[in-house]
Amino acid sequence: MIPKLYFSDKKFLYYLIIIVFLLFFLWISTVLDHPSRNFLDFEYHSGKFPVHPKPFDPRFPPPPHGSNPMSFEFNGGPPTQYGHTTLVYLIGVVSSLLFAITGRLQSVEKEKVKSELAFLKAQINPHFLFNTLNSIYALALKKDDKTPDAVVQLSELMRYIMTNSNDEVIELSKEINYINNYISLQKTRLGNTVNIIYSVVGNTFGKVITPLILISFIENAFKYGVNPDQTSEIYIKIDIEEEILTLYVSNRKTFSVQSDSGIGLQNTIERLKLVYPNKHALMIEDAAEKYIVNLSIKIQ
């Protein structure tokens, strides 16, 4: 009745049925608990049948002298049982309501988390596409021969996003391959203007991770750590040891004008809180000349 009535704005009908059932159980308890005793008491006190007095039963003392014999039923008899029955019944009703409401709240919370993750991913995907298209546009302006290769690399990246970004987890090897393609695309675009030191250490076999959870930190280094007029250096290391994945990203700060507000990075931080609660450690060092990210995640 709780999902069909209580959660469907039919609370009055729900409470009415609860009261009707309570009265029914009280009547049942009266009939089943003392049927023979009630009948004999009625015979004895009403005088309809001049039977021999009943033997004294210490469990049921006779009514006080001069009192209404029928009031015996209200002095230590069924009313006590009524109270017990009502108490047990109400405990059952309240417990059922609490369990149902708790389950409903948990369901709503799960849906809220899913909606938040979907919203964050929807922001990350076009954000990444916008930045990468800018990179290819820069190649096209210079009429660079690497432009076709960059388009192919971008198509591989977008295929990964379209195919796997909505999955809860994905093979770690596929995520690493996606990062490899992204860095290759950046090397194609930047050429020798930046020194990129990139390495992956450890075994990815049999391990899974939430997709697109690492790329924002790497992308952030290229957005804010590259300037053709300055010496640029980006250091990226992914270390996989047992159940712990560590991402270390370091870039020298440049003073180029950026049009982005860092929404991708902030969204990734929020996703980490939602997907890996108490299973990750993130340290960001924002110094005067260097930006460092050290992220550890407990993966499966």
C-alpha atoms as a PDB file:
ATOM      1  CA  MET A   1       0.000   0.000   0.000  1.00  0.00           C
ATOM      2  CA  ILE A   2       2.903   2.378   0.631  1.00  0.00           C
ATOM      3  CA  PRO A   3       4.048   2.786  -3.000  1.00  0.00           C
ATOM      4  CA  LYS A   4       0.502   2.665  -4.394  1.00  0.00           C
ATOM      5  CA  LEU A   5      -1.146   4.999  -1.879  1.00  0.00           C
ATOM      6  CA  TYR A   6       1.321   6.798   0.405  1.00  0.00           C
ATOM      7  CA  PHE A   7       3.722   7.768  -2.411  1.00  0.00           C
ATOM      8  CA  SER A   8       0.853   8.529  -4.809  1.00  0.00           C
ATOM      9  CA  ASP A   9      -0.712  11.428  -2.886  1.00  0.00           C
ATOM     10  CA  LYS A  10      -3.438   9.178  -1.476  1.00  0.00           C
ATOM     11  CA  LYS A  11      -2.354   9.456   2.130  1.00  0.00           C
ATOM     12  CA  PHE A  12      -5.907   9.875   3.473  1.00  0.00           C
ATOM     13  CA  LEU A  13      -6.965   6.546   1.954  1.00  0.00           C
ATOM     14  CA  TYR A  14      -3.780   4.946   3.264  1.00  0.00           C
ATOM     15  CA  TYR A  15      -4.404   6.112   6.854  1.00  0.00           C
ATOM     16  CA  LEU A  16      -8.075   5.099   6.613  1.00  0.00           C
ATOM     17  CA  ILE A  17      -7.121   1.560   5.608  1.00  0.00           C
ATOM     18  CA  ILE A  18      -4.535   1.463   8.422  1.00  0.00           C
ATOM     19  CA  ILE A  19      -7.242   2.390  10.976  1.00  0.00           C
ATOM     20  CA  VAL A  20      -9.698  -0.169   9.574  1.00  0.00           C
ATOM     21  CA  PHE A  21      -7.086  -2.912   9.790  1.00  0.00           C
ATOM     22  CA  LEU A  22      -6.204  -1.858  13.343  1.00  0.00           C
ATOM     23  CA  LEU A  23      -9.854  -2.181  14.426  1.00  0.00           C
ATOM     24  CA  PHE A  24     -10.040  -5.540  12.682  1.00  0.00           C
ATOM     25  CA  PHE A  25      -6.958  -6.843  14.513  1.00  0.00           C
ATOM     26  CA  LEU A  26      -8.300  -5.591  17.847  1.00  0.00           C
ATOM     27  CA  TRP A  27     -11.526  -7.504  17.238  1.00  0.00           C
ATOM     28  CA  ILE A  28      -9.586 -10.618  16.220  1.00  0.00           C
ATOM     29  CA  SER A  29      -7.418 -10.392  19.347  1.00  0.00           C
ATOM     30  CA  THR A  30     -10.540 -10.209  21.543  1.00  0.00           C
ATOM     31  CA  VAL A  31     -12.153 -13.224  19.915  1.00  0.00           C
ATOM     32  CA  LEU A  32      -9.038 -15.385  19.802  1.00  0.00           C
ATOM     33  CA  ASP A  33      -7.464 -14.538  23.143  1.00  0.00           C
ATOM     34  CA  HIS A  34     -10.418 -15.116  25.575  1.00  0.00           C
ATOM     35  CA  PRO A  35     -13.406 -16.572  23.712  1.00  0.00           C
ATOM     36  CA  SER A  36     -14.499 -19.174  26.346  1.00  0.00           C
ATOM     37  CA  ARG A  37     -13.761 -16.920  29.325  1.00  0.00           C
ATOM     38  CA  ASN A  38     -15.824 -14.074  27.987  1.00  0.00           C
ATOM     39  CA  PHE A  39     -18.769 -16.348  27.297  1.00  0.00           C
ATOM     40  CA  LEU A  40     -18.717 -17.982  30.777  1.00  0.00           C
ATOM     41  CA  ASP A  41     -18.352 -14.600  32.466  1.00  0.00           C
ATOM     42  CA  PHE A  42     -21.398 -13.409  30.621  1.00  0.00           C
ATOM     43  CA  GLU A  43     -23.379 -16.493  31.721  1.00  0.00           C
ATOM     44  CA  TYR A  44     -22.324 -16.144  35.298  1.00  0.00           C
ATOM     45  CA  HIS A  45     -22.843 -12.412  35.778  1.00  0.00           C
ATOM     46  CA  SER A  46     -25.987 -12.065  33.703  1.00  0.00           C
ATOM     47  CA  GLY A  47     -27.870 -14.668  35.725  1.00  0.00           C
ATOM     48  CA  LYS A  48     -29.313 -16.295  32.641  1.00  0.00           C
ATOM     49  CA  PHE A  49     -28.022 -19.678  33.680  1.00  0.00           C
ATOM     50  CA  PRO A  50     -28.003 -20.496  37.391  1.00  0.00           C
ATOM     51  CA  VAL A  51     -24.840 -22.555  37.163  1.00  0.00           C
ATOM     52  CA  HIS A  52     -22.560 -23.312  40.061  1.00  0.00           C
ATOM     53  CA  PRO A  53     -20.140 -20.524  40.878  1.00  0.00           C
ATOM     54  CA  LYS A  54     -16.901 -20.798  39.052  1.00  0.00           C
ATOM     55  CA  PRO A  55     -13.859 -21.767  41.122  1.00  0.00           C
ATOM     56  CA  PHE A  56     -11.619 -18.886  42.076  1.00  0.00           C
ATOM     57  CA  ASP A  57      -8.914 -18.236  39.531  1.00  0.00           C
ATOM     58  CA  PRO A  58      -6.082 -16.009  40.838  1.00  0.00           C
ATOM     59  CA  ARG A  59      -5.418 -14.844  37.258  1.00  0.00           C
ATOM     60  CA  PHE A  60      -8.913 -13.307  37.029  1.00  0.00           C
ATOM     61  CA  PRO A  61     -10.034 -11.810  40.385  1.00  0.00           C
ATOM     62  CA  PRO A  62     -13.756 -11.106  40.779  1.00  0.00           C
ATOM     63  CA  PRO A  63     -15.012  -7.563  40.330  1.00  0.00           C
ATOM     64  CA  PRO A  64     -15.290  -5.349  43.419  1.00  0.00           C
ATOM     65  CA  HIS A  65     -18.528  -5.544  45.393  1.00  0.00           C
ATOM     66  CA  GLY A  66     -21.211  -3.230  44.059  1.00  0.00           C
ATOM     67  CA  SER A  67     -19.527  -2.632  40.725  1.00  0.00           C
ATOM     68  CA  ASN A  68     -21.034  -3.339  37.345  1.00  0.00           C
ATOM     69  CA  PRO A  69     -20.260  -6.950  36.531  1.00  0.00           C
ATOM     70  CA  MET A  70     -19.843  -6.156  32.867  1.00  0.00           C
ATOM     71  CA  SER A  71     -17.134  -3.618  33.722  1.00  0.00           C
ATOM     72  CA  PHE A  72     -14.901  -6.582  34.506  1.00  0.00           C
ATOM     73  CA  GLU A  73     -13.951  -6.649  30.841  1.00  0.00           C
ATOM     74  CA  PHE A  74     -12.390  -3.240  31.298  1.00  0.00           C
ATOM     75  CA  ASN A  75     -10.363  -3.975  34.462  1.00  0.00           C
ATOM     76  CA  GLY A  76      -7.183  -5.813  33.506  1.00  0.00           C
ATOM     77  CA  GLY A  77      -8.716  -7.953  30.776  1.00  0.00           C
ATOM     78  CA  PRO A  78      -8.780  -7.267  27.050  1.00  0.00           C
ATOM     79  CA  PRO A  79      -7.772  -3.593  27.299  1.00  0.00           C
ATOM     80  CA  THR A  80      -4.241  -4.730  28.170  1.00  0.00           C
ATOM     81  CA  GLN A  81      -4.266  -6.965  25.137  1.00  0.00           C
ATOM     82  CA  TYR A  82      -5.686  -4.082  23.081  1.00  0.00           C
ATOM     83  CA  GLY A  83      -2.710  -1.968  24.076  1.00  0.00           C
ATOM     84  CA  HIS A  84      -0.242  -4.715  23.143  1.00  0.00           C
ATOM     85  CA  THR A  85      -1.932  -5.343  19.814  1.00  0.00           C
ATOM     86  CA  THR A  86      -2.059  -1.638  18.995  1.00  0.00           C
ATOM     87  CA  LEU A  87       1.598  -1.152  19.943  1.00  0.00           C
ATOM     88  CA  VAL A  88       2.816  -4.065  17.817  1.00  0.00           C
ATOM     89  CA  TYR A  89       0.632  -2.974  14.918  1.00  0.00           C
ATOM     90  CA  LEU A  90       1.861   0.632  15.025  1.00  0.00           C
ATOM     91  CA  ILE A  91       5.490  -0.521  15.269  1.00  0.00           C
ATOM     92  CA  GLY A  92       4.935  -2.566  12.114  1.00  0.00           C
ATOM     93  CA  VAL A  93       3.313   0.357  10.283  1.00  0.00           C
ATOM     94  CA  VAL A  94       5.989   2.880  11.285  1.00  0.00           C
ATOM     95  CA  SER A  95       8.822   0.444  10.488  1.00  0.00           C
ATOM     96  CA  SER A  96       7.360  -0.228   7.043  1.00  0.00           C
ATOM     97  CA  LEU A  97       7.090   3.499   6.377  1.00  0.00           C
ATOM     98  CA  LEU A  98      10.676   4.137   7.495  1.00  0.00           C
ATOM     99  CA  PHE A  99      12.057   1.324   5.330  1.00  0.00           C
ATOM    100  CA  ALA A 100      10.039   2.483   2.320  1.00  0.00           C
ATOM    101  CA  ILE A 101      11.012   6.151   2.731  1.00  0.00           C
ATOM    102  CA  THR A 102      14.697   5.261   3.252  1.00  0.00           C
ATOM    103  CA  GLY A 103      14.686   3.099   0.121  1.00  0.00           C
ATOM    104  CA  ARG A 104      13.027   5.860  -1.862  1.00  0.00           C
ATOM    105  CA  LEU A 105      15.583   8.426  -0.674  1.00  0.00           C
ATOM    106  CA  GLN A 106      18.449   6.118  -1.638  1.00  0.00           C
ATOM    107  CA  SER A 107      16.918   5.631  -5.080  1.00  0.00           C
ATOM    108  CA  VAL A 108      16.533   9.385  -5.536  1.00  0.00           C
ATOM    109  CA  GLU A 109      20.147   9.929  -4.441  1.00  0.00           C
ATOM    110  CA  LYS A 110      21.417   7.380  -6.985  1.00  0.00           C
ATOM    111  CA  GLU A 111      19.448   9.054  -9.745  1.00  0.00           C
ATOM    112  CA  LYS A 112      20.844  12.414  -8.648  1.00  0.00           C
ATOM    113  CA  VAL A 113      24.412  11.115  -8.877  1.00  0.00           C
ATOM    114  CA  LYS A 114      23.736   9.655 -12.343  1.00  0.00           C
ATOM    115  CA  SER A 115      22.266  12.959 -13.511  1.00  0.00           C
ATOM    116  CA  GLU A 116      25.232  14.916 -12.167  1.00  0.00           C
ATOM    117  CA  LEU A 117      27.693  12.584 -13.885  1.00  0.00           C
ATOM    118  CA  ALA A 118      25.799  12.809 -17.170  1.00  0.00           C
ATOM    119  CA  PHE A 119      25.833  16.608 -16.917  1.00  0.00           C
ATOM    120  CA  LEU A 120      29.554  16.715 -16.170  1.00  0.00           C
ATOM    121  CA  LYS A 121      30.361  14.388 -19.067  1.00  0.00           C
ATOM    122  CA  ALA A 122      28.202  16.459 -21.407  1.00  0.00           C
ATOM    123  CA  GLN A 123      30.337  19.470 -20.509  1.00  0.00           C
ATOM    124  CA  ILE A 124      33.643  17.646 -20.873  1.00  0.00           C
ATOM    125  CA  ASN A 125      33.039  16.217 -24.340  1.00  0.00           C
ATOM    126  CA  PRO A 126      32.298  19.453 -26.281  1.00  0.00           C
ATOM    127  CA  HIS A 127      34.947  21.219 -24.206  1.00  0.00           C
ATOM    128  CA  PHE A 128      37.596  18.758 -25.382  1.00  0.00           C
ATOM    129  CA  LEU A 129      36.353  18.847 -28.979  1.00  0.00           C
ATOM    130  CA  PHE A 130      36.531  22.648 -29.037  1.00  0.00           C
ATOM    131  CA  ASN A 131      40.164  22.705 -27.870  1.00  0.00           C
ATOM    132  CA  THR A 132      41.278  19.979 -30.268  1.00  0.00           C
ATOM    133  CA  LEU A 133      39.619  21.634 -33.253  1.00  0.00           C
ATOM    134  CA  ASN A 134      41.522  24.782 -32.350  1.00  0.00           C
ATOM    135  CA  SER A 135      44.716  22.738 -32.530  1.00  0.00           C
ATOM    136  CA  ILE A 136      43.910  21.408 -36.011  1.00  0.00           C
ATOM    137  CA  TYR A 137      42.849  24.876 -37.116  1.00  0.00           C
ATOM    138  CA  ALA A 138      46.286  26.155 -36.152  1.00  0.00           C
ATOM    139  CA  LEU A 139      47.878  23.452 -38.323  1.00  0.00           C
ATOM    140  CA  ALA A 140      45.622  24.300 -41.247  1.00  0.00           C
ATOM    141  CA  LEU A 141      46.559  27.985 -41.053  1.00  0.00           C
ATOM    142  CA  LYS A 142      50.210  27.057 -41.388  1.00  0.00           C
ATOM    143  CA  LYS A 143      49.347  24.642 -44.234  1.00  0.00           C
ATOM    144  CA  ASP A 144      51.193  21.968 -42.336  1.00  0.00           C
ATOM    145  CA  ASP A 145      51.465  18.544 -44.009  1.00  0.00           C
ATOM    146  CA  LYS A 146      50.574  16.952 -40.666  1.00  0.00           C
ATOM    147  CA  THR A 147      47.036  18.297 -40.815  1.00  0.00           C
ATOM    148  CA  PRO A 148      45.498  15.106 -42.376  1.00  0.00           C
ATOM    149  CA  ASP A 149      47.184  12.939 -39.736  1.00  0.00           C
ATOM    150  CA  ALA A 150      45.826  15.218 -37.036  1.00  0.00           C
ATOM    151  CA  VAL A 151      42.303  14.823 -38.433  1.00  0.00           C
ATOM    152  CA  VAL A 152      42.671  11.021 -38.323  1.00  0.00           C
ATOM    153  CA  GLN A 153      43.933  11.175 -34.751  1.00  0.00           C
ATOM    154  CA  LEU A 154      41.018  13.407 -33.800  1.00  0.00           C
ATOM    155  CA  SER A 155      38.558  10.945 -35.352  1.00  0.00           C
ATOM    156  CA  GLU A 156      40.055   8.166 -33.211  1.00  0.00           C
ATOM    157  CA  LEU A 157      39.681  10.295 -30.119  1.00  0.00           C
ATOM    158  CA  MET A 158      36.081  11.194 -30.912  1.00  0.00           C
ATOM    159  CA  ARG A 159      35.227   7.572 -31.657  1.00  0.00           C
ATOM    160  CA  TYR A 160      36.486   6.672 -28.185  1.00  0.00           C
ATOM    161  CA  ILE A 161      34.423   9.446 -26.583  1.00  0.00           C
ATOM    162  CA  MET A 162      31.246   8.536 -28.465  1.00  0.00           C
ATOM    163  CA  THR A 163      31.648   4.808 -27.761  1.00  0.00           C
ATOM    164  CA  ASN A 164      32.924   4.681 -24.189  1.00  0.00           C
ATOM    165  CA  SER A 165      32.318   7.975 -22.382  1.00  0.00           C
ATOM    166  CA  ASN A 166      28.924   6.864 -21.031  1.00  0.00           C
ATOM    167  CA  ASP A 167      30.250   3.609 -19.590  1.00  0.00           C
ATOM    168  CA  GLU A 168      30.743   3.424 -15.839  1.00  0.00           C
ATOM    169  CA  VAL A 169      34.126   1.733 -16.233  1.00  0.00           C
ATOM    170  CA  ILE A 170      36.361   0.757 -19.130  1.00  0.00           C
ATOM    171  CA  GLU A 171      39.521  -1.269 -19.599  1.00  0.00           C
ATOM    172  CA  LEU A 172      42.499   0.709 -18.394  1.00  0.00           C
ATOM    173  CA  SER A 173      44.441  -0.222 -21.529  1.00  0.00           C
ATOM    174  CA  LYS A 174      41.837   1.572 -23.695  1.00  0.00           C
ATOM    175  CA  GLU A 175      41.995   4.674 -21.548  1.00  0.00           C
ATOM    176  CA  ILE A 176      45.798   4.707 -21.768  1.00  0.00           C
ATOM    177  CA  ASN A 177      45.592   4.280 -25.535  1.00  0.00           C
ATOM    178  CA  TYR A 178      43.220   7.250 -25.678  1.00  0.00           C
ATOM    179  CA  ILE A 179      45.736   9.361 -23.747  1.00  0.00           C
ATOM    180  CA  ASN A 180      48.507   8.187 -26.104  1.00  0.00           C
ATOM    181  CA  ASN A 181      46.477   9.389 -29.099  1.00  0.00           C
ATOM    182  CA  TYR A 182      45.800  12.720 -27.449  1.00  0.00           C
ATOM    183  CA  ILE A 183      49.477  13.343 -26.685  1.00  0.00           C
ATOM    184  CA  SER A 184      50.440  12.273 -30.229  1.00  0.00           C
ATOM    185  CA  LEU A 185      47.981  14.829 -31.569  1.00  0.00           C
ATOM    186  CA  GLN A 186      49.520  17.535 -29.402  1.00  0.00           C
ATOM    187  CA  LYS A 187      53.017  16.593 -30.536  1.00  0.00           C
ATOM    188  CA  THR A 188      51.842  16.848 -34.138  1.00  0.00           C
ATOM    189  CA  ARG A 189      50.419  20.305 -33.499  1.00  0.00           C
ATOM    190  CA  LEU A 190      53.237  21.704 -31.362  1.00  0.00           C
ATOM    191  CA  GLY A 191      56.258  20.124 -33.038  1.00  0.00           C
ATOM    192  CA  ASN A 192      59.522  21.140 -31.380  1.00  0.00           C
ATOM    193  CA  THR A 193      58.109  24.161 -29.577  1.00  0.00           C
ATOM    194  CA  VAL A 194      57.568  22.150 -26.382  1.00  0.00           C
ATOM    195  CA  ASN A 195      59.502  19.391 -24.659  1.00  0.00           C
ATOM    196  CA  ILE A 196      57.023  16.618 -23.801  1.00  0.00           C
ATOM    197  CA  ILE A 197      58.241  13.875 -21.459  1.00  0.00           C
ATOM    198  CA  TYR A 198      55.619  11.126 -21.272  1.00  0.00           C
ATOM    199  CA  SER A 199      55.820   7.636 -19.805  1.00  0.00           C
ATOM    200  CA  VAL A 200      53.553   4.818 -18.631  1.00  0.00           C
ATOM    201  CA  VAL A 201      54.887   2.328 -16.068  1.00  0.00           C
ATOM    202  CA  GLY A 202      53.097  -0.813 -14.906  1.00  0.00           C
ATOM    203  CA  ASN A 203      50.711  -3.478 -16.133  1.00  0.00           C
ATOM    204  CA  THR A 204      47.225  -2.492 -17.329  1.00  0.00           C
ATOM    205  CA  PHE A 205      45.963  -6.043 -17.859  1.00  0.00           C
ATOM    206  CA  GLY A 206      42.674  -6.847 -16.089  1.00  0.00           C
ATOM    207  CA  LYS A 207      42.247  -3.359 -14.635  1.00  0.00           C
ATOM    208  CA  VAL A 208      39.391  -0.929 -15.256  1.00  0.00           C
ATOM    209  CA  ILE A 209      38.857   2.779 -14.665  1.00  0.00           C
ATOM    210  CA  THR A 210      36.187   5.414 -15.153  1.00  0.00           C
ATOM    211  CA  PRO A 211      36.605   6.836 -18.680  1.00  0.00           C
ATOM    212  CA  LEU A 212      37.891  10.389 -19.218  1.00  0.00           C
ATOM    213  CA  ILE A 213      38.887  10.791 -15.574  1.00  0.00           C
ATOM    214  CA  LEU A 214      42.564  11.539 -16.303  1.00  0.00           C
ATOM    215  CA  ILE A 215      42.535  13.487 -19.545  1.00  0.00           C
ATOM    216  CA  SER A 216      41.478  16.855 -18.087  1.00  0.00           C
ATOM    217  CA  PHE A 217      44.645  17.104 -15.977  1.00  0.00           C
ATOM    218  CA  ILE A 218      46.791  16.317 -19.027  1.00  0.00           C
ATOM    219  CA  GLU A 219      44.802  18.657 -21.259  1.00  0.00           C
ATOM    220  CA  ASN A 220      45.145  21.401 -18.655  1.00  0.00           C
ATOM    221  CA  ALA A 221      48.947  21.163 -18.897  1.00  0.00           C
ATOM    222  CA  PHE A 222      48.852  21.757 -22.648  1.00  0.00           C
ATOM    223  CA  LYS A 223      46.395  24.640 -22.344  1.00  0.00           C
ATOM    224  CA  TYR A 224      48.326  26.566 -19.725  1.00  0.00           C
ATOM    225  CA  GLY A 225      51.881  25.296 -20.196  1.00  0.00           C
ATOM    226  CA  VAL A 226      52.572  25.986 -23.856  1.00  0.00           C
ATOM    227  CA  ASN A 227      53.655  29.267 -25.392  1.00  0.00           C
ATOM    228  CA  PRO A 228      55.688  29.470 -28.638  1.00  0.00           C
ATOM    229  CA  ASP A 229      57.505  32.555 -27.345  1.00  0.00           C
ATOM    230  CA  GLN A 230      58.685  30.863 -24.160  1.00  0.00           C
ATOM    231  CA  THR A 231      60.500  27.691 -23.206  1.00  0.00           C
ATOM    232  CA  SER A 232      57.788  25.091 -22.524  1.00  0.00           C
ATOM    233  CA  GLU A 233      58.117  21.737 -20.832  1.00  0.00           C
ATOM    234  CA  ILE A 234      55.446  19.220 -19.879  1.00  0.00           C
ATOM    235  CA  TYR A 235      56.131  16.130 -17.806  1.00  0.00           C
ATOM    236  CA  ILE A 236      53.492  13.354 -17.657  1.00  0.00           C
ATOM    237  CA  LYS A 237      53.915  10.038 -15.878  1.00  0.00           C
ATOM    238  CA  ILE A 238      51.317   7.301 -15.275  1.00  0.00           C
ATOM    239  CA  ASP A 239      52.384   4.693 -12.739  1.00  0.00           C
ATOM    240  CA  ILE A 240      50.269   1.545 -12.207  1.00  0.00           C
ATOM    241  CA  GLU A 241      51.144  -0.533  -9.171  1.00  0.00           C
ATOM    242  CA  GLU A 242      48.763  -3.251  -7.967  1.00  0.00           C
ATOM    243  CA  GLU A 243      45.427  -1.438  -7.322  1.00  0.00           C
ATOM    244  CA  ILE A 244      46.838   2.092  -7.271  1.00  0.00           C
ATOM    245  CA  LEU A 245      47.159   4.306 -10.340  1.00  0.00           C
ATOM    246  CA  THR A 246      49.200   7.467  -9.934  1.00  0.00           C
ATOM    247  CA  LEU A 247      49.119  10.325 -12.417  1.00  0.00           C
ATOM    248  CA  TYR A 248      51.801  12.982 -12.166  1.00  0.00           C
ATOM    249  CA  VAL A 249      51.548  16.025 -14.424  1.00  0.00           C
ATOM    250  CA  SER A 250      53.864  19.009 -14.287  1.00  0.00           C
ATOM    251  CA  ASN A 251      54.036  22.037 -16.550  1.00  0.00           C
ATOM    252  CA  ARG A 252      55.888  25.309 -16.491  1.00  0.00           C
ATOM    253  CA  LYS A 253      53.481  28.227 -16.393  1.00  0.00           C
ATOM    254  CA  THR A 254      53.326  30.513 -19.390  1.00  0.00           C
ATOM    255  CA  PHE A 255      51.742  33.888 -19.806  1.00  0.00           C
ATOM    256  CA  SER A 256      49.754  33.277 -22.948  1.00  0.00           C
ATOM    257  CA  VAL A 257      46.180  34.574 -23.053  1.00  0.00           C
ATOM    258  CA  GLN A 258      43.647  31.821 -22.372  1.00  0.00           C
ATOM    259  CA  SER A 259      39.976  32.056 -23.253  1.00  0.00           C
ATOM    260  CA  ASP A 260      38.928  29.094 -21.156  1.00  0.00           C
ATOM    261  CA  SER A 261      37.876  29.232 -17.517  1.00  0.00           C
ATOM    262  CA  GLY A 262      39.050  25.719 -16.565  1.00  0.00           C
ATOM    263  CA  ILE A 263      35.591  24.166 -16.524  1.00  0.00           C
ATOM    264  CA  GLY A 264      36.925  20.777 -17.698  1.00  0.00           C
ATOM    265  CA  LEU A 265      39.342  20.498 -14.784  1.00  0.00           C
ATOM    266  CA  GLN A 266      36.748  21.532 -12.221  1.00  0.00           C
ATOM    267  CA  ASN A 267      34.255  19.021 -13.588  1.00  0.00           C
ATOM    268  CA  THR A 268      36.821  16.247 -13.350  1.00  0.00           C
ATOM    269  CA  ILE A 269      37.435  17.092  -9.704  1.00  0.00           C
ATOM    270  CA  GLU A 270      33.688  16.856  -9.070  1.00  0.00           C
ATOM    271  CA  ARG A 271      33.526  13.514 -10.910  1.00  0.00           C
ATOM    272  CA  LEU A 272      36.340  12.161  -8.735  1.00  0.00           C
ATOM    273  CA  LYS A 273      34.320  12.996  -5.625  1.00  0.00           C
ATOM    274  CA  LEU A 274      31.255  11.233  -7.024  1.00  0.00           C
ATOM    275  CA  VAL A 275      32.871   8.161  -8.604  1.00  0.00           C
ATOM    276  CA  TYR A 276      35.812   7.559  -6.258  1.00  0.00           C
ATOM    277  CA  PRO A 277      34.685   8.742  -2.812  1.00  0.00           C
ATOM    278  CA  ASN A 278      37.399   7.939  -0.255  1.00  0.00           C
ATOM    279  CA  LYS A 279      39.298   6.111  -3.003  1.00  0.00           C
ATOM    280  CA  HIS A 280      41.426   8.894  -4.411  1.00  0.00           C
ATOM    281  CA  ALA A 281      43.931  11.499  -3.299  1.00  0.00           C
ATOM    282  CA  LEU A 282      44.438  14.680  -5.300  1.00  0.00           C
ATOM    283  CA  MET A 283      47.179  17.207  -4.609  1.00  0.00           C
ATOM    284  CA  ILE A 284      47.505  20.304  -6.778  1.00  0.00           C
ATOM    285  CA  GLU A 285      50.468  22.634  -6.395  1.00  0.00           C
ATOM    286  CA  ASP A 286      49.844  25.992  -8.004  1.00  0.00           C
ATOM    287  CA  ALA A 287      53.200  27.733  -7.653  1.00  0.00           C
ATOM    288  CA  ALA A 288      54.365  30.955  -9.226  1.00  0.00           C
ATOM    289  CA  GLU A 289      56.172  29.308 -12.141  1.00  0.00           C
ATOM    290  CA  LYS A 290      54.948  25.699 -12.102  1.00  0.00           C
ATOM    291  CA  TYR A 291      51.677  23.817 -11.920  1.00  0.00           C
ATOM    292  CA  ILE A 292      51.805  20.239 -10.555  1.00  0.00           C
ATOM    293  CA  VAL A 293      49.065  17.627 -10.268  1.00  0.00           C
ATOM    294  CA  ASN A 294      49.558  14.426  -8.284  1.00  0.00           C
ATOM    295  CA  LEU A 295      46.557  12.106  -8.409  1.00  0.00           C
ATOM    296  CA  SER A 296      46.254   8.623  -6.909  1.00  0.00           C
ATOM    297  CA  ILE A 297      43.227   6.429  -7.562  1.00  0.00           C
ATOM    298  CA  LYS A 298      42.356   3.012  -6.192  1.00  0.00           C
ATOM    299  CA  ILE A 299      41.254   1.138  -9.297  1.00  0.00           C
ATOM    300  CA  GLN A 300      39.730  -2.319  -9.677  1.00  0.00           C
END
